[in-house]
Amino acid sequence: MANFVVSGTPHVRSKESIQSIMRDVIIALVPATAAGIYYFGLRALILIVAAIISAVFFEWLYNRLMHKKNTINDFSEVVTGLLLALNM
C-alpha cells in the first residue's frame, strides 16, 4: 500500500494562512452579529459570547486530552462559536 500525505488544504494554492482566512470570515460576520445584537438585545450578545467561549474552551480541552497541537491561535474555534450562535 502506498503512503499518502494528508495536508490541511491541498486544493488551495495561496499564500494566505488559515488564521488570516478565519479573521476575514469573522470580519464578514460582524454586520450580521451587530444586527442580531441590535434586534435581539443583550440576550443575543450573551449567547454569542457564551458560544464563542464554549467553542474555544472545548477545542482547547479536546487538544489537551488527545495530546494534539494547540490550534487556538488560528481563530477557527471563534468562527465555529460565532456561526453556532448566529444559527441559534
PDB file of N, CA and C in Angstrom:
ATOM      1  N   MET A   1       0.845  -1.175   0.000  1.00  0.00           N
ATOM      2  CA  MET A   1       0.000   0.000   0.000  1.00  0.00           C
ATOM      3  C   MET A   1       0.892   1.240   0.000  1.00  0.00           C
ATOM      4  N   ALA A   2       0.509   2.221  -0.758  1.00  0.00           N
ATOM      5  CA  ALA A   2       1.294   3.449  -0.867  1.00  0.00           C
ATOM      6  C   ALA A   2       1.085   4.332   0.358  1.00  0.00           C
ATOM      7  N   ASN A   3       2.099   5.110   0.667  1.00  0.00           N
ATOM      8  CA  ASN A   3       1.990   6.076   1.761  1.00  0.00           C
ATOM      9  C   ASN A   3       1.414   7.368   1.230  1.00  0.00           C
ATOM     10  N   PHE A   4       0.353   7.821   1.850  1.00  0.00           N
ATOM     11  CA  PHE A   4      -0.290   9.051   1.439  1.00  0.00           C
ATOM     12  C   PHE A   4       0.023  10.150   2.445  1.00  0.00           C
ATOM     13  N   VAL A   5       0.209  11.348   1.934  1.00  0.00           N
ATOM     14  CA  VAL A   5       0.453  12.503   2.785  1.00  0.00           C
ATOM     15  C   VAL A   5      -0.847  13.292   2.873  1.00  0.00           C
ATOM     16  N   VAL A   6      -1.315  13.514   4.080  1.00  0.00           N
ATOM     17  CA  VAL A   6      -2.542  14.264   4.294  1.00  0.00           C
ATOM     18  C   VAL A   6      -2.155  15.661   4.739  1.00  0.00           C
ATOM     19  N   SER A   7      -2.665  16.650   4.030  1.00  0.00           N
ATOM     20  CA  SER A   7      -2.385  18.032   4.399  1.00  0.00           C
ATOM     21  C   SER A   7      -3.698  18.754   4.634  1.00  0.00           C
ATOM     22  N   GLY A   8      -3.602  19.923   5.260  1.00  0.00           N
ATOM     23  CA  GLY A   8      -4.799  20.672   5.639  1.00  0.00           C
ATOM     24  C   GLY A   8      -5.656  21.102   4.474  1.00  0.00           C
ATOM     25  N   THR A   9      -5.071  21.741   3.541  1.00  0.00           N
ATOM     26  CA  THR A   9      -5.840  22.246   2.404  1.00  0.00           C
ATOM     27  C   THR A   9      -5.017  22.070   1.123  1.00  0.00           C
ATOM     28  N   PRO A  10      -5.018  20.878   0.546  1.00  0.00           N
ATOM     29  CA  PRO A  10      -4.182  20.649  -0.632  1.00  0.00           C
ATOM     30  C   PRO A  10      -4.697  21.341  -1.885  1.00  0.00           C
ATOM     31  N   HIS A  11      -5.965  21.713  -1.902  1.00  0.00           N
ATOM     32  CA  HIS A  11      -6.537  22.306  -3.104  1.00  0.00           C
ATOM     33  C   HIS A  11      -6.364  23.819  -3.154  1.00  0.00           C
ATOM     34  N   VAL A  12      -5.925  24.435  -2.099  1.00  0.00           N
ATOM     35  CA  VAL A  12      -5.763  25.885  -2.064  1.00  0.00           C
ATOM     36  C   VAL A  12      -4.313  26.217  -2.340  1.00  0.00           C
ATOM     37  N   ARG A  13      -4.095  27.027  -3.348  1.00  0.00           N
ATOM     38  CA  ARG A  13      -2.740  27.461  -3.687  1.00  0.00           C
ATOM     39  C   ARG A  13      -2.657  28.962  -3.451  1.00  0.00           C
ATOM     40  N   SER A  14      -2.476  29.308  -2.208  1.00  0.00           N
ATOM     41  CA  SER A  14      -2.470  30.709  -1.826  1.00  0.00           C
ATOM     42  C   SER A  14      -1.444  30.910  -0.722  1.00  0.00           C
ATOM     43  N   LYS A  15      -0.983  32.129  -0.589  1.00  0.00           N
ATOM     44  CA  LYS A  15      -0.045  32.449   0.476  1.00  0.00           C
ATOM     45  C   LYS A  15      -0.759  32.809   1.777  1.00  0.00           C
ATOM     46  N   GLU A  16      -2.105  32.860   1.748  1.00  0.00           N
ATOM     47  CA  GLU A  16      -2.866  33.188   2.946  1.00  0.00           C
ATOM     48  C   GLU A  16      -2.806  32.043   3.948  1.00  0.00           C
ATOM     49  N   SER A  17      -2.733  32.401   5.204  1.00  0.00           N
ATOM     50  CA  SER A  17      -2.738  31.391   6.253  1.00  0.00           C
ATOM     51  C   SER A  17      -4.179  31.133   6.696  1.00  0.00           C
ATOM     52  N   ILE A  18      -4.362  30.055   7.422  1.00  0.00           N
ATOM     53  CA  ILE A  18      -5.691  29.749   7.964  1.00  0.00           C
ATOM     54  C   ILE A  18      -6.126  30.853   8.905  1.00  0.00           C
ATOM     55  N   GLN A  19      -5.189  31.395   9.663  1.00  0.00           N
ATOM     56  CA  GLN A  19      -5.505  32.470  10.603  1.00  0.00           C
ATOM     57  C   GLN A  19      -6.050  33.699   9.878  1.00  0.00           C
ATOM     58  N   SER A  20      -5.441  34.083   8.763  1.00  0.00           N
ATOM     59  CA  SER A  20      -5.917  35.272   8.042  1.00  0.00           C
ATOM     60  C   SER A  20      -7.269  35.014   7.378  1.00  0.00           C
ATOM     61  N   ILE A  21      -7.502  33.799   6.917  1.00  0.00           N
ATOM     62  CA  ILE A  21      -8.792  33.471   6.315  1.00  0.00           C
ATOM     63  C   ILE A  21      -9.888  33.508   7.377  1.00  0.00           C
ATOM     64  N   MET A  22      -9.625  32.929   8.539  1.00  0.00           N
ATOM     65  CA  MET A  22     -10.612  32.942   9.625  1.00  0.00           C
ATOM     66  C   MET A  22     -10.877  34.361  10.118  1.00  0.00           C
ATOM     67  N   ARG A  23      -9.833  35.180  10.163  1.00  0.00           N
ATOM     68  CA  ARG A  23     -10.021  36.585  10.540  1.00  0.00           C
ATOM     69  C   ARG A  23     -10.936  37.288   9.538  1.00  0.00           C
ATOM     70  N   ASP A  24     -10.758  37.014   8.255  1.00  0.00           N
ATOM     71  CA  ASP A  24     -11.627  37.599   7.233  1.00  0.00           C
ATOM     72  C   ASP A  24     -13.075  37.131   7.379  1.00  0.00           C
ATOM     73  N   VAL A  25     -13.275  35.875   7.747  1.00  0.00           N
ATOM     74  CA  VAL A  25     -14.628  35.365   7.964  1.00  0.00           C
ATOM     75  C   VAL A  25     -15.272  36.073   9.155  1.00  0.00           C
ATOM     76  N   ILE A  26     -14.505  36.266  10.215  1.00  0.00           N
ATOM     77  CA  ILE A  26     -15.039  36.972  11.386  1.00  0.00           C
ATOM     78  C   ILE A  26     -15.426  38.397  11.018  1.00  0.00           C
ATOM     79  N   ILE A  27     -14.583  39.067  10.254  1.00  0.00           N
ATOM     80  CA  ILE A  27     -14.885  40.434   9.818  1.00  0.00           C
ATOM     81  C   ILE A  27     -16.148  40.451   8.959  1.00  0.00           C
ATOM     82  N   ALA A  28     -16.308  39.442   8.112  1.00  0.00           N
ATOM     83  CA  ALA A  28     -17.501  39.378   7.261  1.00  0.00           C
ATOM     84  C   ALA A  28     -18.768  39.126   8.076  1.00  0.00           C
ATOM     85  N   LEU A  29     -18.646  38.478   9.229  1.00  0.00           N
ATOM     86  CA  LEU A  29     -19.808  38.183  10.070  1.00  0.00           C
ATOM     87  C   LEU A  29     -20.156  39.304  11.048  1.00  0.00           C
ATOM     88  N   VAL A  30     -19.317  40.324  11.127  1.00  0.00           N
ATOM     89  CA  VAL A  30     -19.578  41.433  12.059  1.00  0.00           C
ATOM     90  C   VAL A  30     -20.910  42.129  11.778  1.00  0.00           C
ATOM     91  N   PRO A  31     -21.268  42.453  10.517  1.00  0.00           N
ATOM     92  CA  PRO A  31     -22.569  43.104  10.304  1.00  0.00           C
ATOM     93  C   PRO A  31     -23.757  42.247  10.752  1.00  0.00           C
ATOM     94  N   ALA A  32     -23.723  40.959  10.465  1.00  0.00           N
ATOM     95  CA  ALA A  32     -24.820  40.082  10.893  1.00  0.00           C
ATOM     96  C   ALA A  32     -24.872  39.974  12.413  1.00  0.00           C
ATOM     97  N   THR A  33     -23.709  39.930  13.042  1.00  0.00           N
ATOM     98  CA  THR A  33     -23.646  39.868  14.503  1.00  0.00           C
ATOM     99  C   THR A  33     -24.190  41.157  15.117  1.00  0.00           C
ATOM    100  N   ALA A  34     -23.784  42.290  14.565  1.00  0.00           N
ATOM    101  CA  ALA A  34     -24.263  43.581  15.069  1.00  0.00           C
ATOM    102  C   ALA A  34     -25.777  43.707  14.894  1.00  0.00           C
ATOM    103  N   ALA A  35     -26.293  43.250  13.755  1.00  0.00           N
ATOM    104  CA  ALA A  35     -27.739  43.305  13.533  1.00  0.00           C
ATOM    105  C   ALA A  35     -28.475  42.403  14.514  1.00  0.00           C
ATOM    106  N   GLY A  36     -27.932  41.234  14.788  1.00  0.00           N
ATOM    107  CA  GLY A  36     -28.552  40.334  15.761  1.00  0.00           C
ATOM    108  C   GLY A  36     -28.599  40.941  17.150  1.00  0.00           C
ATOM    109  N   ILE A  37     -27.502  41.577  17.531  1.00  0.00           N
ATOM    110  CA  ILE A  37     -27.471  42.231  18.849  1.00  0.00           C
ATOM    111  C   ILE A  37     -28.436  43.416  18.874  1.00  0.00           C
ATOM    112  N   TYR A  38     -28.516  44.166  17.785  1.00  0.00           N
ATOM    113  CA  TYR A  38     -29.417  45.318  17.721  1.00  0.00           C
ATOM    114  C   TYR A  38     -30.880  44.880  17.834  1.00  0.00           C
ATOM    115  N   TYR A  39     -31.256  43.841  17.074  1.00  0.00           N
ATOM    116  CA  TYR A  39     -32.652  43.417  17.049  1.00  0.00           C
ATOM    117  C   TYR A  39     -33.055  42.575  18.264  1.00  0.00           C
ATOM    118  N   PHE A  40     -32.133  41.776  18.790  1.00  0.00           N
ATOM    119  CA  PHE A  40     -32.499  40.853  19.863  1.00  0.00           C
ATOM    120  C   PHE A  40     -31.931  41.226  21.223  1.00  0.00           C
ATOM    121  N   GLY A  41     -31.094  42.246  21.270  1.00  0.00           N
ATOM    122  CA  GLY A  41     -30.651  42.801  22.540  1.00  0.00           C
ATOM    123  C   GLY A  41     -29.538  42.057  23.248  1.00  0.00           C
ATOM    124  N   LEU A  42     -29.496  42.294  24.537  1.00  0.00           N
ATOM    125  CA  LEU A  42     -28.432  41.786  25.390  1.00  0.00           C
ATOM    126  C   LEU A  42     -28.400  40.261  25.430  1.00  0.00           C
ATOM    127  N   ARG A  43     -29.548  39.615  25.344  1.00  0.00           N
ATOM    128  CA  ARG A  43     -29.582  38.145  25.366  1.00  0.00           C
ATOM    129  C   ARG A  43     -28.824  37.560  24.181  1.00  0.00           C
ATOM    130  N   ALA A  44     -28.917  38.213  23.023  1.00  0.00           N
ATOM    131  CA  ALA A  44     -28.166  37.746  21.853  1.00  0.00           C
ATOM    132  C   ALA A  44     -26.664  37.896  22.082  1.00  0.00           C
ATOM    133  N   LEU A  45     -26.268  39.000  22.663  1.00  0.00           N
ATOM    134  CA  LEU A  45     -24.851  39.221  22.957  1.00  0.00           C
ATOM    135  C   LEU A  45     -24.332  38.170  23.936  1.00  0.00           C
ATOM    136  N   ILE A  46     -25.097  37.873  24.962  1.00  0.00           N
ATOM    137  CA  ILE A  46     -24.699  36.859  25.932  1.00  0.00           C
ATOM    138  C   ILE A  46     -24.581  35.494  25.254  1.00  0.00           C
ATOM    139  N   LEU A  47     -25.519  35.169  24.377  1.00  0.00           N
ATOM    140  CA  LEU A  47     -25.480  33.902  23.654  1.00  0.00           C
ATOM    141  C   LEU A  47     -24.247  33.814  22.757  1.00  0.00           C
ATOM    142  N   ILE A  48     -23.933  34.891  22.057  1.00  0.00           N
ATOM    143  CA  ILE A  48     -22.774  34.917  21.165  1.00  0.00           C
ATOM    144  C   ILE A  48     -21.483  34.724  21.955  1.00  0.00           C
ATOM    145  N   VAL A  49     -21.354  35.459  23.046  1.00  0.00           N
ATOM    146  CA  VAL A  49     -20.146  35.354  23.872  1.00  0.00           C
ATOM    147  C   VAL A  49     -20.030  33.954  24.473  1.00  0.00           C
ATOM    148  N   ALA A  50     -21.136  33.416  24.959  1.00  0.00           N
ATOM    149  CA  ALA A  50     -21.105  32.074  25.563  1.00  0.00           C
ATOM    150  C   ALA A  50     -20.747  31.009  24.524  1.00  0.00           C
ATOM    151  N   ALA A  51     -21.281  31.123  23.323  1.00  0.00           N
ATOM    152  CA  ALA A  51     -20.987  30.138  22.283  1.00  0.00           C
ATOM    153  C   ALA A  51     -19.520  30.197  21.866  1.00  0.00           C
ATOM    154  N   ILE A  52     -18.976  31.402  21.735  1.00  0.00           N
ATOM    155  CA  ILE A  52     -17.573  31.541  21.344  1.00  0.00           C
ATOM    156  C   ILE A  52     -16.654  31.015  22.442  1.00  0.00           C
ATOM    157  N   ILE A  53     -16.924  31.396  23.683  1.00  0.00           N
ATOM    158  CA  ILE A  53     -16.093  30.924  24.794  1.00  0.00           C
ATOM    159  C   ILE A  53     -16.172  29.400  24.918  1.00  0.00           C
ATOM    160  N   SER A  54     -17.351  28.841  24.770  1.00  0.00           N
ATOM    161  CA  SER A  54     -17.505  27.386  24.849  1.00  0.00           C
ATOM    162  C   SER A  54     -16.747  26.679  23.732  1.00  0.00           C
ATOM    163  N   ALA A  55     -16.848  27.195  22.518  1.00  0.00           N
ATOM    164  CA  ALA A  55     -16.152  26.573  21.387  1.00  0.00           C
ATOM    165  C   ALA A  55     -14.641  26.610  21.586  1.00  0.00           C
ATOM    166  N   VAL A  56     -14.124  27.737  22.040  1.00  0.00           N
ATOM    167  CA  VAL A  56     -12.679  27.849  22.279  1.00  0.00           C
ATOM    168  C   VAL A  56     -12.263  26.922  23.414  1.00  0.00           C
ATOM    169  N   PHE A  57     -13.025  26.889  24.499  1.00  0.00           N
ATOM    170  CA  PHE A  57     -12.669  26.041  25.632  1.00  0.00           C
ATOM    171  C   PHE A  57     -12.670  24.565  25.258  1.00  0.00           C
ATOM    172  N   PHE A  58     -13.730  24.105  24.586  1.00  0.00           N
ATOM    173  CA  PHE A  58     -13.808  22.680  24.274  1.00  0.00           C
ATOM    174  C   PHE A  58     -12.799  22.274  23.200  1.00  0.00           C
ATOM    175  N   GLU A  59     -12.435  23.171  22.312  1.00  0.00           N
ATOM    176  CA  GLU A  59     -11.347  22.881  21.364  1.00  0.00           C
ATOM    177  C   GLU A  59     -10.024  22.730  22.126  1.00  0.00           C
ATOM    178  N   TRP A  60      -9.780  23.628  23.056  1.00  0.00           N
ATOM    179  CA  TRP A  60      -8.572  23.543  23.877  1.00  0.00           C
ATOM    180  C   TRP A  60      -8.559  22.242  24.684  1.00  0.00           C
ATOM    181  N   LEU A  61      -9.693  21.919  25.298  1.00  0.00           N
ATOM    182  CA  LEU A  61      -9.795  20.715  26.114  1.00  0.00           C
ATOM    183  C   LEU A  61      -9.571  19.459  25.273  1.00  0.00           C
ATOM    184  N   TYR A  62     -10.179  19.399  24.112  1.00  0.00           N
ATOM    185  CA  TYR A  62     -10.008  18.246  23.230  1.00  0.00           C
ATOM    186  C   TYR A  62      -8.538  18.081  22.837  1.00  0.00           C
ATOM    187  N   ASN A  63      -7.909  19.165  22.422  1.00  0.00           N
ATOM    188  CA  ASN A  63      -6.497  19.100  22.041  1.00  0.00           C
ATOM    189  C   ASN A  63      -5.630  18.665  23.216  1.00  0.00           C
ATOM    190  N   ARG A  64      -5.962  19.136  24.388  1.00  0.00           N
ATOM    191  CA  ARG A  64      -5.191  18.783  25.583  1.00  0.00           C
ATOM    192  C   ARG A  64      -5.352  17.299  25.932  1.00  0.00           C
ATOM    193  N   LEU A  65      -6.590  16.811  25.884  1.00  0.00           N
ATOM    194  CA  LEU A  65      -6.839  15.409  26.226  1.00  0.00           C
ATOM    195  C   LEU A  65      -6.263  14.448  25.194  1.00  0.00           C
ATOM    196  N   MET A  66      -6.270  14.843  23.945  1.00  0.00           N
ATOM    197  CA  MET A  66      -5.767  13.972  22.877  1.00  0.00           C
ATOM    198  C   MET A  66      -4.282  14.182  22.592  1.00  0.00           C
ATOM    199  N   HIS A  67      -3.643  15.048  23.376  1.00  0.00           N
ATOM    200  CA  HIS A  67      -2.218  15.350  23.212  1.00  0.00           C
ATOM    201  C   HIS A  67      -1.895  15.842  21.802  1.00  0.00           C
ATOM    202  N   LYS A  68      -2.768  16.698  21.297  1.00  0.00           N
ATOM    203  CA  LYS A  68      -2.569  17.292  19.980  1.00  0.00           C
ATOM    204  C   LYS A  68      -2.041  18.707  20.114  1.00  0.00           C
ATOM    205  N   LYS A  69      -1.545  19.220  19.009  1.00  0.00           N
ATOM    206  CA  LYS A  69      -1.016  20.577  18.965  1.00  0.00           C
ATOM    207  C   LYS A  69      -2.150  21.583  19.207  1.00  0.00           C
ATOM    208  N   ASN A  70      -1.856  22.619  19.968  1.00  0.00           N
ATOM    209  CA  ASN A  70      -2.831  23.660  20.257  1.00  0.00           C
ATOM    210  C   ASN A  70      -3.126  24.461  18.989  1.00  0.00           C
ATOM    211  N   THR A  71      -4.396  24.539  18.606  1.00  0.00           N
ATOM    212  CA  THR A  71      -4.790  25.268  17.388  1.00  0.00           C
ATOM    213  C   THR A  71      -5.648  26.483  17.709  1.00  0.00           C
ATOM    214  N   ILE A  72      -5.586  26.964  18.927  1.00  0.00           N
ATOM    215  CA  ILE A  72      -6.432  28.093  19.335  1.00  0.00           C
ATOM    216  C   ILE A  72      -6.075  29.358  18.556  1.00  0.00           C
ATOM    217  N   ASN A  73      -4.834  29.508  18.151  1.00  0.00           N
ATOM    218  CA  ASN A  73      -4.387  30.747  17.514  1.00  0.00           C
ATOM    219  C   ASN A  73      -4.903  30.944  16.096  1.00  0.00           C
ATOM    220  N   ASP A  74      -5.547  29.952  15.492  1.00  0.00           N
ATOM    221  CA  ASP A  74      -5.986  30.125  14.107  1.00  0.00           C
ATOM    222  C   ASP A  74      -7.419  30.649  13.978  1.00  0.00           C
ATOM    223  N   PHE A  75      -8.087  30.922  15.081  1.00  0.00           N
ATOM    224  CA  PHE A  75      -9.425  31.534  15.124  1.00  0.00           C
ATOM    225  C   PHE A  75     -10.543  30.655  14.562  1.00  0.00           C
ATOM    226  N   SER A  76     -10.258  29.409  14.215  1.00  0.00           N
ATOM    227  CA  SER A  76     -11.322  28.559  13.673  1.00  0.00           C
ATOM    228  C   SER A  76     -12.387  28.268  14.718  1.00  0.00           C
ATOM    229  N   GLU A  77     -11.996  28.189  15.988  1.00  0.00           N
ATOM    230  CA  GLU A  77     -12.968  27.954  17.051  1.00  0.00           C
ATOM    231  C   GLU A  77     -13.885  29.157  17.230  1.00  0.00           C
ATOM    232  N   VAL A  78     -13.324  30.344  17.064  1.00  0.00           N
ATOM    233  CA  VAL A  78     -14.140  31.560  17.184  1.00  0.00           C
ATOM    234  C   VAL A  78     -15.191  31.589  16.068  1.00  0.00           C
ATOM    235  N   VAL A  79     -14.789  31.230  14.864  1.00  0.00           N
ATOM    236  CA  VAL A  79     -15.735  31.183  13.742  1.00  0.00           C
ATOM    237  C   VAL A  79     -16.810  30.138  14.015  1.00  0.00           C
ATOM    238  N   THR A  80     -16.427  28.979  14.530  1.00  0.00           N
ATOM    239  CA  THR A  80     -17.409  27.940  14.846  1.00  0.00           C
ATOM    240  C   THR A  80     -18.403  28.416  15.895  1.00  0.00           C
ATOM    241  N   GLY A  81     -17.911  29.023  16.961  1.00  0.00           N
ATOM    242  CA  GLY A  81     -18.798  29.531  18.004  1.00  0.00           C
ATOM    243  C   GLY A  81     -19.711  30.640  17.519  1.00  0.00           C
ATOM    244  N   LEU A  82     -19.160  31.523  16.696  1.00  0.00           N
ATOM    245  CA  LEU A  82     -19.961  32.635  16.163  1.00  0.00           C
ATOM    246  C   LEU A  82     -21.039  32.121  15.222  1.00  0.00           C
ATOM    247  N   LEU A  83     -20.710  31.191  14.351  1.00  0.00           N
ATOM    248  CA  LEU A  83     -21.709  30.628  13.445  1.00  0.00           C
ATOM    249  C   LEU A  83     -22.787  29.858  14.205  1.00  0.00           C
ATOM    250  N   LEU A  84     -22.365  29.130  15.229  1.00  0.00           N
ATOM    251  CA  LEU A  84     -23.340  28.403  16.042  1.00  0.00           C
ATOM    252  C   LEU A  84     -24.297  29.376  16.735  1.00  0.00           C
ATOM    253  N   ALA A  85     -23.766  30.443  17.286  1.00  0.00           N
ATOM    254  CA  ALA A  85     -24.613  31.437  17.968  1.00  0.00           C
ATOM    255  C   ALA A  85     -25.545  32.130  16.981  1.00  0.00           C
ATOM    256  N   LEU A  86     -25.067  32.464  15.803  1.00  0.00           N
ATOM    257  CA  LEU A  86     -25.921  33.140  14.826  1.00  0.00           C
ATOM    258  C   LEU A  86     -27.012  32.204  14.304  1.00  0.00           C
ATOM    259  N   ASN A  87     -26.769  30.903  14.309  1.00  0.00           N
ATOM    260  CA  ASN A  87     -27.810  29.969  13.906  1.00  0.00           C
ATOM    261  C   ASN A  87     -28.881  29.783  14.977  1.00  0.00           C
ATOM    262  N   MET A  88     -28.482  30.002  16.226  1.00  0.00           N
ATOM    263  CA  MET A  88     -29.474  29.856  17.309  1.00  0.00           C
ATOM    264  C   MET A  88     -30.320  31.098  17.396  1.00  0.00           C
TER     265      MET A  88
END
